[in-house]
Amino acid sequence: MNKIIIDKAGLLTTIQDKGRWGFQQYGISVAGAMDHFAMTLANLLLGNDSNKALLECTYSGPEISFYCDEIISITGADMSPKINGKAVAMWTSLLVKAGDKLQLSGASSGLRSYIAFSRELLVPALMGSKSTFMRARLGGLGGNKLSKGDEIRLGEKEASSQGTYLPPKYIPSYNKDACLRVVMGPQDDYFTKEAISTFLTSSYQISPEADRMGYRLEGPRINHKDQVDIISDGIVFGSIQVPGSGAPIIMMSDRQTTGGYPKIATLITPDLSVLAQMGPGMRVNFKKVSVDEAHNLYKEHINKLAEIKEALDKRHFHLGKTKNYILSLKGKSYKVQVDEIL
């Protein structure tokens, strides 16, 4: 049987895709991967659809035994991946043989790693998604994070090639502080001018209350004009709510569908992946951009993904002879096997 078994789960490993869209009016949260950029790249390295379900690993990664030959890729946070005890490269497609064991450890850079598979993860799709939403026990493997002994069946082998790697210029760097770009509103008029200035000129620390639902920030208080509550309205990935405490909360993948606190601003899409790779103790500040600027930055983001996909498609070679090459990434050298073009 084509399958993997989780020998060690890591702190928080779940099955994710891009989420459960189209059901928020029924109170169903979107969920999905926290870092869409790393998730997309993990799939593109294998020639997969960008929304194919994979594993998201937070803080520390799993140990996985393979019971079939498979091609995988690992992106996102550096968790020092190894196959049978030997270090392997990230941001490349890797051959794993039946009987091999993949091992990830603690994150040394970034927070979340993604493990994609050329075969399909055979778990049920609920409302069009395999994403795990633990609060409602939806999706994934029984709606839970993975645990030791869990078995995930894999589909039939799909076309893919080992040795496809992401050009180094596209590999993101993960830092302990970041300037996040925001569009103000939709309820920035609920805050004083001094509060808006405080928000845009201060540095905030990510508090220990940071998870897949939201990141609470610690720093200068943001004061409301008078009303703290609003009539509940929609919440999006990146909405920044400010409750009565004056401490902003950035809503993340497992956010609720509506909220009753004023939203001072909203993160732009490209910077959501930046924040998803940050954890408690790290610092952020905010830069205001216009709606037009946000649209242009989003177009640049989409064009970059299209450019990467085109570059990777040219590297998906099949049926050729295999050669060994030395791949250098961020000062580390790895031996990889690449198929020749016929």
C-alpha atoms as a PDB file:
ATOM      1  CA  MET A   1       0.000   0.000   0.000  1.00  0.00           C
ATOM      2  CA  ASN A   2       1.235   3.491  -0.847  1.00  0.00           C
ATOM      3  CA  LYS A   3       1.430   5.315   2.470  1.00  0.00           C
ATOM      4  CA  ILE A   4       3.459   7.255   4.996  1.00  0.00           C
ATOM      5  CA  ILE A   5       3.479   6.767   8.762  1.00  0.00           C
ATOM      6  CA  ILE A   6       4.184   9.536  11.236  1.00  0.00           C
ATOM      7  CA  ASP A   7       6.870   8.295  13.629  1.00  0.00           C
ATOM      8  CA  LYS A   8       7.180  11.651  15.371  1.00  0.00           C
ATOM      9  CA  ALA A   9       4.716  14.472  14.789  1.00  0.00           C
ATOM     10  CA  GLY A  10       6.620  17.620  15.717  1.00  0.00           C
ATOM     11  CA  LEU A  11       4.925  20.371  17.702  1.00  0.00           C
ATOM     12  CA  LEU A  12       2.114  21.175  15.246  1.00  0.00           C
ATOM     13  CA  THR A  13       1.936  19.330  11.920  1.00  0.00           C
ATOM     14  CA  THR A  14      -1.315  19.505   9.973  1.00  0.00           C
ATOM     15  CA  ILE A  15      -2.640  18.810   6.492  1.00  0.00           C
ATOM     16  CA  GLN A  16      -3.374  22.068   4.663  1.00  0.00           C
ATOM     17  CA  ASP A  17      -4.188  23.469   1.254  1.00  0.00           C
ATOM     18  CA  LYS A  18      -5.361  27.002   0.386  1.00  0.00           C
ATOM     19  CA  GLY A  19      -8.468  26.679   2.500  1.00  0.00           C
ATOM     20  CA  ARG A  20     -12.227  26.251   2.520  1.00  0.00           C
ATOM     21  CA  TRP A  21     -13.534  29.176   0.447  1.00  0.00           C
ATOM     22  CA  GLY A  22     -17.174  30.084  -0.176  1.00  0.00           C
ATOM     23  CA  PHE A  23     -18.644  29.089   3.184  1.00  0.00           C
ATOM     24  CA  GLN A  24     -17.953  32.039   5.468  1.00  0.00           C
ATOM     25  CA  GLN A  25     -21.603  33.136   5.232  1.00  0.00           C
ATOM     26  CA  TYR A  26     -22.402  29.883   7.067  1.00  0.00           C
ATOM     27  CA  GLY A  27     -19.820  30.545   9.789  1.00  0.00           C
ATOM     28  CA  ILE A  28     -17.214  28.162   8.341  1.00  0.00           C
ATOM     29  CA  SER A  29     -13.682  29.506   8.690  1.00  0.00           C
ATOM     30  CA  VAL A  30     -11.380  29.363   5.670  1.00  0.00           C
ATOM     31  CA  ALA A  31      -8.350  27.813   7.467  1.00  0.00           C
ATOM     32  CA  GLY A  32      -5.633  26.716   5.005  1.00  0.00           C
ATOM     33  CA  ALA A  33      -1.881  27.236   4.886  1.00  0.00           C
ATOM     34  CA  MET A  34      -0.453  30.178   6.814  1.00  0.00           C
ATOM     35  CA  ASP A  35       2.306  30.865   4.264  1.00  0.00           C
ATOM     36  CA  HIS A  36       0.710  30.640   0.811  1.00  0.00           C
ATOM     37  CA  PHE A  37       3.970  31.531  -0.924  1.00  0.00           C
ATOM     38  CA  ALA A  38       5.964  28.645   0.595  1.00  0.00           C
ATOM     39  CA  MET A  39       3.024  26.290   0.079  1.00  0.00           C
ATOM     40  CA  THR A  40       2.654  27.253  -3.572  1.00  0.00           C
ATOM     41  CA  LEU A  41       6.371  26.857  -4.231  1.00  0.00           C
ATOM     42  CA  ALA A  42       6.444  23.424  -2.569  1.00  0.00           C
ATOM     43  CA  ASN A  43       3.796  22.245  -5.030  1.00  0.00           C
ATOM     44  CA  LEU A  44       5.253  23.977  -8.090  1.00  0.00           C
ATOM     45  CA  LEU A  45       8.617  22.292  -7.470  1.00  0.00           C
ATOM     46  CA  LEU A  46       6.833  18.989  -8.090  1.00  0.00           C
ATOM     47  CA  GLY A  47       4.736  20.175 -11.009  1.00  0.00           C
ATOM     48  CA  ASN A  48       1.626  19.930  -8.819  1.00  0.00           C
ATOM     49  CA  ASP A  49      -1.418  22.139  -8.842  1.00  0.00           C
ATOM     50  CA  SER A  50      -0.605  24.989  -6.459  1.00  0.00           C
ATOM     51  CA  ASN A  51      -3.562  24.068  -4.205  1.00  0.00           C
ATOM     52  CA  LYS A  52      -2.612  20.431  -3.654  1.00  0.00           C
ATOM     53  CA  ALA A  53      -2.784  19.360  -0.003  1.00  0.00           C
ATOM     54  CA  LEU A  54       0.505  19.061   1.861  1.00  0.00           C
ATOM     55  CA  LEU A  55       1.899  19.099   5.407  1.00  0.00           C
ATOM     56  CA  GLU A  56       2.425  22.328   7.333  1.00  0.00           C
ATOM     57  CA  CYS A  57       4.929  22.017  10.194  1.00  0.00           C
ATOM     58  CA  THR A  58       5.189  24.678  12.920  1.00  0.00           C
ATOM     59  CA  TYR A  59       8.212  25.267  15.195  1.00  0.00           C
ATOM     60  CA  SER A  60       9.481  21.703  14.753  1.00  0.00           C
ATOM     61  CA  GLY A  61       8.939  19.078  12.110  1.00  0.00           C
ATOM     62  CA  PRO A  62       7.937  15.425  11.962  1.00  0.00           C
ATOM     63  CA  GLU A  63       9.745  12.176  11.328  1.00  0.00           C
ATOM     64  CA  ILE A  64       8.038  10.223   8.552  1.00  0.00           C
ATOM     65  CA  SER A  65       8.547   6.672   7.274  1.00  0.00           C
ATOM     66  CA  PHE A  66       7.817   6.056   3.592  1.00  0.00           C
ATOM     67  CA  TYR A  67       6.266   2.809   2.351  1.00  0.00           C
ATOM     68  CA  CYS A  68       6.542   3.635  -1.358  1.00  0.00           C
ATOM     69  CA  ASP A  69       8.891   5.495  -3.657  1.00  0.00           C
ATOM     70  CA  GLU A  70       7.957   9.161  -3.713  1.00  0.00           C
ATOM     71  CA  ILE A  71       9.188  12.591  -4.768  1.00  0.00           C
ATOM     72  CA  ILE A  72       8.787  15.378  -2.240  1.00  0.00           C
ATOM     73  CA  SER A  73       9.800  18.994  -1.714  1.00  0.00           C
ATOM     74  CA  ILE A  74      10.377  20.996   1.472  1.00  0.00           C
ATOM     75  CA  THR A  75      10.025  24.782   1.621  1.00  0.00           C
ATOM     76  CA  GLY A  76       9.572  27.507   4.209  1.00  0.00           C
ATOM     77  CA  ALA A  77      11.379  27.477   7.549  1.00  0.00           C
ATOM     78  CA  ASP A  78      14.708  25.681   7.749  1.00  0.00           C
ATOM     79  CA  MET A  79      14.129  22.612   9.923  1.00  0.00           C
ATOM     80  CA  SER A  80      17.386  20.917   8.846  1.00  0.00           C
ATOM     81  CA  PRO A  81      15.709  18.125   6.845  1.00  0.00           C
ATOM     82  CA  LYS A  82      17.436  14.766   6.573  1.00  0.00           C
ATOM     83  CA  ILE A  83      16.711  11.525   4.764  1.00  0.00           C
ATOM     84  CA  ASN A  84      18.078   8.519   6.606  1.00  0.00           C
ATOM     85  CA  GLY A  85      20.252  10.842   8.680  1.00  0.00           C
ATOM     86  CA  LYS A  86      21.798  12.665   5.700  1.00  0.00           C
ATOM     87  CA  ALA A  87      21.127  16.372   5.173  1.00  0.00           C
ATOM     88  CA  VAL A  88      19.080  17.195   2.068  1.00  0.00           C
ATOM     89  CA  ALA A  89      18.416  20.480   0.296  1.00  0.00           C
ATOM     90  CA  MET A  90      15.282  22.526   0.724  1.00  0.00           C
ATOM     91  CA  TRP A  91      13.514  24.273  -2.160  1.00  0.00           C
ATOM     92  CA  THR A  92      14.203  21.308  -4.464  1.00  0.00           C
ATOM     93  CA  SER A  93      12.427  18.078  -5.436  1.00  0.00           C
ATOM     94  CA  LEU A  94      13.811  15.022  -3.644  1.00  0.00           C
ATOM     95  CA  LEU A  95      13.539  11.301  -4.313  1.00  0.00           C
ATOM     96  CA  VAL A  96      12.493   9.258  -1.286  1.00  0.00           C
ATOM     97  CA  LYS A  97      12.475   5.467  -1.605  1.00  0.00           C
ATOM     98  CA  ALA A  98      10.317   2.920   0.155  1.00  0.00           C
ATOM     99  CA  GLY A  99      11.893   2.252   3.545  1.00  0.00           C
ATOM    100  CA  ASP A 100      13.426   5.723   3.814  1.00  0.00           C
ATOM    101  CA  LYS A 101      12.803   8.019   6.759  1.00  0.00           C
ATOM    102  CA  LEU A 102      12.468  11.801   6.495  1.00  0.00           C
ATOM    103  CA  GLN A 103      13.463  13.739   9.607  1.00  0.00           C
ATOM    104  CA  LEU A 104      12.870  17.416  10.395  1.00  0.00           C
ATOM    105  CA  SER A 105      14.001  19.122  13.586  1.00  0.00           C
ATOM    106  CA  GLY A 106      13.443  22.568  15.127  1.00  0.00           C
ATOM    107  CA  ALA A 107      13.202  25.670  12.954  1.00  0.00           C
ATOM    108  CA  SER A 108      16.471  27.629  12.811  1.00  0.00           C
ATOM    109  CA  SER A 109      15.123  30.252  10.409  1.00  0.00           C
ATOM    110  CA  GLY A 110      11.456  31.001   9.906  1.00  0.00           C
ATOM    111  CA  LEU A 111       8.616  29.258  11.710  1.00  0.00           C
ATOM    112  CA  ARG A 112       6.684  27.032   9.291  1.00  0.00           C
ATOM    113  CA  SER A 113       7.893  24.382   6.852  1.00  0.00           C
ATOM    114  CA  TYR A 114       5.872  22.750   4.080  1.00  0.00           C
ATOM    115  CA  ILE A 115       6.279  19.187   2.809  1.00  0.00           C
ATOM    116  CA  ALA A 116       4.662  18.527  -0.561  1.00  0.00           C
ATOM    117  CA  PHE A 117       4.184  15.120  -2.211  1.00  0.00           C
ATOM    118  CA  SER A 118       3.919  14.149  -5.856  1.00  0.00           C
ATOM    119  CA  ARG A 119       1.226  11.641  -4.872  1.00  0.00           C
ATOM    120  CA  GLU A 120      -2.111  12.818  -3.509  1.00  0.00           C
ATOM    121  CA  LEU A 121      -2.761  12.711   0.247  1.00  0.00           C
ATOM    122  CA  LEU A 122      -5.813  10.463   0.423  1.00  0.00           C
ATOM    123  CA  VAL A 123      -7.885  12.204   3.076  1.00  0.00           C
ATOM    124  CA  PRO A 124     -11.475  13.388   2.565  1.00  0.00           C
ATOM    125  CA  ALA A 125     -12.139  16.801   1.047  1.00  0.00           C
ATOM    126  CA  LEU A 126     -14.791  18.651   3.035  1.00  0.00           C
ATOM    127  CA  MET A 127     -16.434  21.603   1.319  1.00  0.00           C
ATOM    128  CA  GLY A 128     -13.801  21.454  -1.396  1.00  0.00           C
ATOM    129  CA  SER A 129     -10.771  21.464   0.909  1.00  0.00           C
ATOM    130  CA  LYS A 130      -8.565  19.039   2.827  1.00  0.00           C
ATOM    131  CA  SER A 131      -7.348  21.783   5.182  1.00  0.00           C
ATOM    132  CA  THR A 132      -7.328  21.002   8.896  1.00  0.00           C
ATOM    133  CA  PHE A 133      -9.365  23.381  11.053  1.00  0.00           C
ATOM    134  CA  MET A 134      -8.750  22.047  14.543  1.00  0.00           C
ATOM    135  CA  ARG A 135     -11.211  24.286  16.404  1.00  0.00           C
ATOM    136  CA  ALA A 136     -14.114  22.711  14.512  1.00  0.00           C
ATOM    137  CA  ARG A 137     -12.480  19.293  13.959  1.00  0.00           C
ATOM    138  CA  LEU A 138     -12.819  19.722  10.200  1.00  0.00           C
ATOM    139  CA  GLY A 139     -10.631  18.375   7.418  1.00  0.00           C
ATOM    140  CA  GLY A 140      -7.202  16.814   7.452  1.00  0.00           C
ATOM    141  CA  LEU A 141      -6.922  13.588   9.390  1.00  0.00           C
ATOM    142  CA  GLY A 142      -9.999  13.586  11.613  1.00  0.00           C
ATOM    143  CA  GLY A 143      -9.781  17.345  12.073  1.00  0.00           C
ATOM    144  CA  ASN A 144      -6.705  17.011  14.292  1.00  0.00           C
ATOM    145  CA  LYS A 145      -3.009  17.748  14.154  1.00  0.00           C
ATOM    146  CA  LEU A 146      -0.909  14.727  13.257  1.00  0.00           C
ATOM    147  CA  SER A 147       0.207  12.392  16.032  1.00  0.00           C
ATOM    148  CA  LYS A 148       2.698   9.575  16.382  1.00  0.00           C
ATOM    149  CA  GLY A 149       1.452   6.466  14.584  1.00  0.00           C
ATOM    150  CA  ASP A 150      -0.862   8.295  12.184  1.00  0.00           C
ATOM    151  CA  GLU A 151      -1.019   6.705   8.750  1.00  0.00           C
ATOM    152  CA  ILE A 152      -1.753   8.675   5.586  1.00  0.00           C
ATOM    153  CA  ARG A 153      -2.494   6.775   2.408  1.00  0.00           C
ATOM    154  CA  LEU A 154      -1.055   8.143  -0.817  1.00  0.00           C
ATOM    155  CA  GLY A 155      -2.477   8.006  -4.320  1.00  0.00           C
ATOM    156  CA  GLU A 156      -0.936   6.592  -7.443  1.00  0.00           C
ATOM    157  CA  LYS A 157       2.351   8.070  -8.596  1.00  0.00           C
ATOM    158  CA  GLU A 158       1.979  11.239 -10.630  1.00  0.00           C
ATOM    159  CA  ALA A 159       4.388  12.681 -13.183  1.00  0.00           C
ATOM    160  CA  SER A 160       7.243  14.504 -11.469  1.00  0.00           C
ATOM    161  CA  SER A 161      11.017  14.682 -11.541  1.00  0.00           C
ATOM    162  CA  GLN A 162      13.665  14.858  -8.865  1.00  0.00           C
ATOM    163  CA  GLY A 163      16.298  17.562  -8.791  1.00  0.00           C
ATOM    164  CA  THR A 164      14.052  20.460  -9.822  1.00  0.00           C
ATOM    165  CA  TYR A 165      15.181  23.371  -7.664  1.00  0.00           C
ATOM    166  CA  LEU A 166      14.124  26.927  -7.014  1.00  0.00           C
ATOM    167  CA  PRO A 167      16.660  29.492  -8.276  1.00  0.00           C
ATOM    168  CA  PRO A 168      18.294  31.063  -5.182  1.00  0.00           C
ATOM    169  CA  LYS A 169      17.119  34.576  -6.081  1.00  0.00           C
ATOM    170  CA  TYR A 170      13.532  33.522  -5.332  1.00  0.00           C
ATOM    171  CA  ILE A 171      14.224  31.939  -1.933  1.00  0.00           C
ATOM    172  CA  PRO A 172      12.903  34.229   0.824  1.00  0.00           C
ATOM    173  CA  SER A 173      14.928  35.271   3.841  1.00  0.00           C
ATOM    174  CA  TYR A 174      13.248  35.062   7.233  1.00  0.00           C
ATOM    175  CA  ASN A 175      14.059  37.793   9.742  1.00  0.00           C
ATOM    176  CA  LYS A 176      13.167  38.543  13.349  1.00  0.00           C
ATOM    177  CA  ASP A 177      11.736  41.939  12.464  1.00  0.00           C
ATOM    178  CA  ALA A 178       9.687  43.118   9.504  1.00  0.00           C
ATOM    179  CA  CYS A 179       7.993  46.170   8.067  1.00  0.00           C
ATOM    180  CA  LEU A 180       4.497  45.096   7.057  1.00  0.00           C
ATOM    181  CA  ARG A 181       2.542  47.102   4.506  1.00  0.00           C
ATOM    182  CA  VAL A 182      -1.096  47.889   5.232  1.00  0.00           C
ATOM    183  CA  VAL A 183      -4.122  49.550   3.692  1.00  0.00           C
ATOM    184  CA  MET A 184      -5.869  51.636   6.341  1.00  0.00           C
ATOM    185  CA  GLY A 185      -9.413  50.759   7.360  1.00  0.00           C
ATOM    186  CA  PRO A 186     -12.151  49.848   6.987  1.00  0.00           C
ATOM    187  CA  GLN A 187     -12.787  51.348  10.452  1.00  0.00           C
ATOM    188  CA  ASP A 188      -9.744  53.590  10.901  1.00  0.00           C
ATOM    189  CA  ASP A 189     -12.165  56.469  11.513  1.00  0.00           C
ATOM    190  CA  TYR A 190     -12.904  54.884  14.920  1.00  0.00           C
ATOM    191  CA  PHE A 191      -9.435  55.912  16.117  1.00  0.00           C
ATOM    192  CA  THR A 192      -7.912  59.257  17.061  1.00  0.00           C
ATOM    193  CA  LYS A 193      -5.304  60.917  14.856  1.00  0.00           C
ATOM    194  CA  GLU A 194      -2.784  60.274  17.621  1.00  0.00           C
ATOM    195  CA  ALA A 195      -3.728  56.583  17.625  1.00  0.00           C
ATOM    196  CA  ILE A 196      -3.245  56.322  13.853  1.00  0.00           C
ATOM    197  CA  SER A 197       0.153  57.977  14.199  1.00  0.00           C
ATOM    198  CA  THR A 198       1.076  55.616  17.044  1.00  0.00           C
ATOM    199  CA  PHE A 199       0.093  52.615  14.945  1.00  0.00           C
ATOM    200  CA  LEU A 200       2.198  53.732  11.963  1.00  0.00           C
ATOM    201  CA  THR A 201       5.294  54.884  13.865  1.00  0.00           C
ATOM    202  CA  SER A 202       5.641  52.263  16.612  1.00  0.00           C
ATOM    203  CA  SER A 203       7.327  48.886  16.806  1.00  0.00           C
ATOM    204  CA  TYR A 204       5.215  46.018  18.118  1.00  0.00           C
ATOM    205  CA  GLN A 205       6.314  42.683  19.518  1.00  0.00           C
ATOM    206  CA  ILE A 206       4.452  39.481  18.705  1.00  0.00           C
ATOM    207  CA  SER A 207       3.085  38.194  22.004  1.00  0.00           C
ATOM    208  CA  PRO A 208       2.918  34.563  23.178  1.00  0.00           C
ATOM    209  CA  GLU A 209      -0.779  34.754  22.227  1.00  0.00           C
ATOM    210  CA  ALA A 210      -0.014  34.053  18.577  1.00  0.00           C
ATOM    211  CA  ASP A 211      -1.445  31.075  16.739  1.00  0.00           C
ATOM    212  CA  ARG A 212      -3.157  30.099  13.500  1.00  0.00           C
ATOM    213  CA  MET A 213      -6.211  32.168  14.480  1.00  0.00           C
ATOM    214  CA  GLY A 214      -4.500  35.464  15.252  1.00  0.00           C
ATOM    215  CA  TYR A 215      -1.357  37.283  16.392  1.00  0.00           C
ATOM    216  CA  ARG A 216      -1.789  39.596  19.388  1.00  0.00           C
ATOM    217  CA  LEU A 217       0.801  42.384  19.459  1.00  0.00           C
ATOM    218  CA  GLU A 218       2.433  44.098  22.434  1.00  0.00           C
ATOM    219  CA  GLY A 219       3.410  47.749  22.276  1.00  0.00           C
ATOM    220  CA  PRO A 220       2.017  51.282  22.534  1.00  0.00           C
ATOM    221  CA  ARG A 221      -1.725  51.384  23.150  1.00  0.00           C
ATOM    222  CA  ILE A 222      -3.995  52.398  20.261  1.00  0.00           C
ATOM    223  CA  ASN A 223      -6.870  54.519  21.554  1.00  0.00           C
ATOM    224  CA  HIS A 224     -10.395  54.561  20.137  1.00  0.00           C
ATOM    225  CA  LYS A 225     -12.288  57.823  19.787  1.00  0.00           C
ATOM    226  CA  ASP A 226     -15.203  56.532  21.856  1.00  0.00           C
ATOM    227  CA  GLN A 227     -16.886  53.305  20.682  1.00  0.00           C
ATOM    228  CA  VAL A 228     -14.920  50.095  21.070  1.00  0.00           C
ATOM    229  CA  ASP A 229     -17.518  47.805  19.521  1.00  0.00           C
ATOM    230  CA  ILE A 230     -19.002  47.794  16.029  1.00  0.00           C
ATOM    231  CA  ILE A 231     -21.769  45.795  14.393  1.00  0.00           C
ATOM    232  CA  SER A 232     -19.972  42.568  13.513  1.00  0.00           C
ATOM    233  CA  ASP A 233     -18.781  42.411   9.936  1.00  0.00           C
ATOM    234  CA  GLY A 234     -16.473  40.269   7.803  1.00  0.00           C
ATOM    235  CA  ILE A 235     -12.917  39.337   8.765  1.00  0.00           C
ATOM    236  CA  VAL A 236     -10.215  38.648   6.169  1.00  0.00           C
ATOM    237  CA  PHE A 237      -6.723  37.173   6.432  1.00  0.00           C
ATOM    238  CA  GLY A 238      -4.670  40.154   7.602  1.00  0.00           C
ATOM    239  CA  SER A 239      -7.447  42.205   9.245  1.00  0.00           C
ATOM    240  CA  ILE A 240      -6.010  44.124  12.210  1.00  0.00           C
ATOM    241  CA  GLN A 241      -8.598  44.388  14.973  1.00  0.00           C
ATOM    242  CA  VAL A 242      -8.168  46.639  18.007  1.00  0.00           C
ATOM    243  CA  PRO A 243     -10.223  45.583  21.054  1.00  0.00           C
ATOM    244  CA  GLY A 244     -10.760  47.691  24.164  1.00  0.00           C
ATOM    245  CA  SER A 245      -7.280  46.860  25.491  1.00  0.00           C
ATOM    246  CA  GLY A 246      -5.777  48.904  22.654  1.00  0.00           C
ATOM    247  CA  ALA A 247      -3.500  45.978  21.685  1.00  0.00           C
ATOM    248  CA  PRO A 248      -3.850  45.143  17.950  1.00  0.00           C
ATOM    249  CA  ILE A 249      -4.604  41.598  16.811  1.00  0.00           C
ATOM    250  CA  ILE A 250      -3.720  40.469  13.279  1.00  0.00           C
ATOM    251  CA  MET A 251      -6.185  37.832  12.078  1.00  0.00           C
ATOM    252  CA  MET A 252      -4.636  34.761  10.433  1.00  0.00           C
ATOM    253  CA  SER A 253      -5.734  31.606   8.576  1.00  0.00           C
ATOM    254  CA  ASP A 254      -8.024  30.145  11.270  1.00  0.00           C
ATOM    255  CA  ARG A 255      -9.729  33.501  11.884  1.00  0.00           C
ATOM    256  CA  GLN A 256     -13.400  33.702  12.727  1.00  0.00           C
ATOM    257  CA  THR A 257     -15.719  34.757   9.910  1.00  0.00           C
ATOM    258  CA  THR A 258     -16.941  37.996  11.548  1.00  0.00           C
ATOM    259  CA  GLY A 259     -15.738  40.302  14.290  1.00  0.00           C
ATOM    260  CA  GLY A 260     -17.107  43.115  16.447  1.00  0.00           C
ATOM    261  CA  TYR A 261     -13.962  45.172  17.014  1.00  0.00           C
ATOM    262  CA  PRO A 262     -12.903  48.062  14.744  1.00  0.00           C
ATOM    263  CA  LYS A 263     -10.285  47.144  12.165  1.00  0.00           C
ATOM    264  CA  ILE A 264      -7.663  49.863  11.925  1.00  0.00           C
ATOM    265  CA  ALA A 265      -5.943  48.405   8.850  1.00  0.00           C
ATOM    266  CA  THR A 266      -5.454  45.314   6.684  1.00  0.00           C
ATOM    267  CA  LEU A 267      -2.163  43.671   5.688  1.00  0.00           C
ATOM    268  CA  ILE A 268      -1.510  43.392   1.970  1.00  0.00           C
ATOM    269  CA  THR A 269      -1.438  39.856   0.559  1.00  0.00           C
ATOM    270  CA  PRO A 270       2.325  39.530  -0.195  1.00  0.00           C
ATOM    271  CA  ASP A 271       3.195  40.399   3.428  1.00  0.00           C
ATOM    272  CA  LEU A 272       0.945  37.730   4.948  1.00  0.00           C
ATOM    273  CA  SER A 273       3.584  35.101   4.172  1.00  0.00           C
ATOM    274  CA  VAL A 274       6.237  37.275   5.813  1.00  0.00           C
ATOM    275  CA  LEU A 275       4.236  37.416   9.051  1.00  0.00           C
ATOM    276  CA  ALA A 276       3.390  33.687   8.903  1.00  0.00           C
ATOM    277  CA  GLN A 277       7.106  32.918   9.275  1.00  0.00           C
ATOM    278  CA  MET A 278       7.405  35.029  12.437  1.00  0.00           C
ATOM    279  CA  GLY A 279       6.679  33.999  16.005  1.00  0.00           C
ATOM    280  CA  PRO A 280       6.491  35.303  19.587  1.00  0.00           C
ATOM    281  CA  GLY A 281       9.200  37.787  20.539  1.00  0.00           C
ATOM    282  CA  MET A 282       9.748  38.998  16.982  1.00  0.00           C
ATOM    283  CA  ARG A 283       8.946  42.591  16.073  1.00  0.00           C
ATOM    284  CA  VAL A 284       6.865  44.268  13.375  1.00  0.00           C
ATOM    285  CA  ASN A 285       6.065  47.807  12.325  1.00  0.00           C
ATOM    286  CA  PHE A 286       3.590  49.047   9.756  1.00  0.00           C
ATOM    287  CA  LYS A 287       3.799  51.137   6.593  1.00  0.00           C
ATOM    288  CA  LYS A 288       0.708  52.696   5.031  1.00  0.00           C
ATOM    289  CA  VAL A 289       0.107  52.139   1.298  1.00  0.00           C
ATOM    290  CA  SER A 290      -2.800  53.236  -0.863  1.00  0.00           C
ATOM    291  CA  VAL A 291      -5.319  50.854  -2.389  1.00  0.00           C
ATOM    292  CA  ASP A 292      -3.754  51.445  -5.816  1.00  0.00           C
ATOM    293  CA  GLU A 293      -0.295  50.691  -4.445  1.00  0.00           C
ATOM    294  CA  ALA A 294      -1.617  47.531  -2.809  1.00  0.00           C
ATOM    295  CA  HIS A 295      -3.130  46.417  -6.126  1.00  0.00           C
ATOM    296  CA  ASN A 296       0.174  47.012  -7.917  1.00  0.00           C
ATOM    297  CA  LEU A 297       2.114  45.117  -5.247  1.00  0.00           C
ATOM    298  CA  TYR A 298      -0.330  42.234  -5.561  1.00  0.00           C
ATOM    299  CA  LYS A 299       0.112  42.190  -9.349  1.00  0.00           C
ATOM    300  CA  GLU A 300       3.884  42.094  -8.850  1.00  0.00           C
ATOM    301  CA  HIS A 301       3.408  39.188  -6.447  1.00  0.00           C
ATOM    302  CA  ILE A 302       1.268  37.238  -8.938  1.00  0.00           C
ATOM    303  CA  ASN A 303       3.686  37.996 -11.772  1.00  0.00           C
ATOM    304  CA  LYS A 304       6.570  36.739  -9.631  1.00  0.00           C
ATOM    305  CA  LEU A 305       4.763  33.450  -9.030  1.00  0.00           C
ATOM    306  CA  ALA A 306       4.056  33.131 -12.757  1.00  0.00           C
ATOM    307  CA  GLU A 307       7.728  33.811 -13.504  1.00  0.00           C
ATOM    308  CA  ILE A 308       8.794  31.154 -11.000  1.00  0.00           C
ATOM    309  CA  LYS A 309       6.319  28.641 -12.419  1.00  0.00           C
ATOM    310  CA  GLU A 310       7.663  29.236 -15.921  1.00  0.00           C
ATOM    311  CA  ALA A 311      11.239  28.790 -14.712  1.00  0.00           C
ATOM    312  CA  LEU A 312      10.346  25.571 -12.877  1.00  0.00           C
ATOM    313  CA  ASP A 313       8.358  24.159 -15.789  1.00  0.00           C
ATOM    314  CA  LYS A 314      11.518  24.364 -17.895  1.00  0.00           C
ATOM    315  CA  ARG A 315      13.306  22.261 -15.278  1.00  0.00           C
ATOM    316  CA  HIS A 316      10.777  19.415 -15.214  1.00  0.00           C
ATOM    317  CA  PHE A 317      12.640  16.890 -17.351  1.00  0.00           C
ATOM    318  CA  HIS A 318      11.498  13.306 -17.823  1.00  0.00           C
ATOM    319  CA  LEU A 319      12.836  10.034 -19.233  1.00  0.00           C
ATOM    320  CA  GLY A 320      16.429  11.244 -19.450  1.00  0.00           C
ATOM    321  CA  LYS A 321      19.607   9.962 -17.881  1.00  0.00           C
ATOM    322  CA  THR A 322      20.388  11.103 -14.349  1.00  0.00           C
ATOM    323  CA  LYS A 323      23.451  13.135 -13.408  1.00  0.00           C
ATOM    324  CA  ASN A 324      24.759  14.273 -10.036  1.00  0.00           C
ATOM    325  CA  TYR A 325      25.295  17.976  -9.410  1.00  0.00           C
ATOM    326  CA  ILE A 326      26.363  20.067  -6.433  1.00  0.00           C
ATOM    327  CA  LEU A 327      23.695  22.614  -5.446  1.00  0.00           C
ATOM    328  CA  SER A 328      24.741  25.525  -3.239  1.00  0.00           C
ATOM    329  CA  LEU A 329      22.003  27.251  -1.204  1.00  0.00           C
ATOM    330  CA  LYS A 330      22.713  29.870   1.449  1.00  0.00           C
ATOM    331  CA  GLY A 331      26.257  28.702   2.034  1.00  0.00           C
ATOM    332  CA  LYS A 332      25.409  24.984   2.229  1.00  0.00           C
ATOM    333  CA  SER A 333      26.266  22.474  -0.500  1.00  0.00           C
ATOM    334  CA  TYR A 334      24.106  19.482  -1.384  1.00  0.00           C
ATOM    335  CA  LYS A 335      24.409  16.693  -3.928  1.00  0.00           C
ATOM    336  CA  VAL A 336      21.281  16.477  -6.086  1.00  0.00           C
ATOM    337  CA  GLN A 337      20.286  14.292  -8.999  1.00  0.00           C
ATOM    338  CA  VAL A 338      18.895  15.996 -12.096  1.00  0.00           C
ATOM    339  CA  ASP A 339      17.393  14.336 -15.147  1.00  0.00           C
ATOM    340  CA  GLU A 340      18.977  15.315 -18.478  1.00  0.00           C
ATOM    341  CA  ILE A 341      16.918  16.646 -21.358  1.00  0.00           C
ATOM    342  CA  LEU A 342      16.537  14.106 -24.121  1.00  0.00           C
END
